[in-house]
Amino acid sequence: MVVTGSLQFLAPSLALHLKMFGYTPDFISLCFCIPCLLYAGLSPFMYLLTEKLPKRSVIFCGVILLTIGNFLVGQSEVLGLSAEADADLVLFGLCVIGMSAAMIAIPVMPECLESIEERVDFNFDPEHLNNEISGFFVSFTGVGETLGPIASSILNNYYGFTRAQEYYASFLMCFALLYFFLGGGFFLFSFSKTEK
């Protein structure tokens, strides 16, 4: 939900923001392609990364990078960046968002399965469990794809592009902190029983 919400958060506002500064439709199209291409291209490498590192730590680092990427795309005044659309900064932020999307989305499904296997003592049908988790995964993906543009539109109407990105990045930072504390704190960086 966080990944798709983040990718879709930019949909209603980024094109309008870049168009105000005179960027061409070709450049704006490129901006929308970058995160998706990086997500798709880096996914196999993230799978390999999650075999070497704990999945929860990869997810946590992905959320932190997603936060940073949103601050960069919005040229956050909190970070002292210019409020004018700097193409290099927007492109770099979109690259960070694409990479972090792969870092979050790839290990989530195996992490869900491993978490359930650690906690369930009774015999269960693995196929049924996989189908149920896949169903929840797809449902929450749809929720993120719905809530991202809605939140973006509301925040952009009231606060403008830069402030909306700052608010969303702040939400992501709160999510990262919540994930850190509820996910085991510094134990996120150690392997679980099933990952060893």
Foldseek 3Di string as FASTA:
>chain_A
DLLLLLLLLCVVPLVVQVVVVPDDPVLVVVLNVQLVVLLVVCLVVLVVVCLVFPLLVLQLVLLLLLLVLLLQLLQAVVVPGDNRGDSVSNNVSSNSSSNSSSSNPNSPLVVVVVVCVVVDDDDDDVVVVSVVSVVVVVVVSVVSNVVNNVQSVVCCVVPNRNVSSNVSSVVSVVVSVVCCVVVPHPCSGPHDPVSD
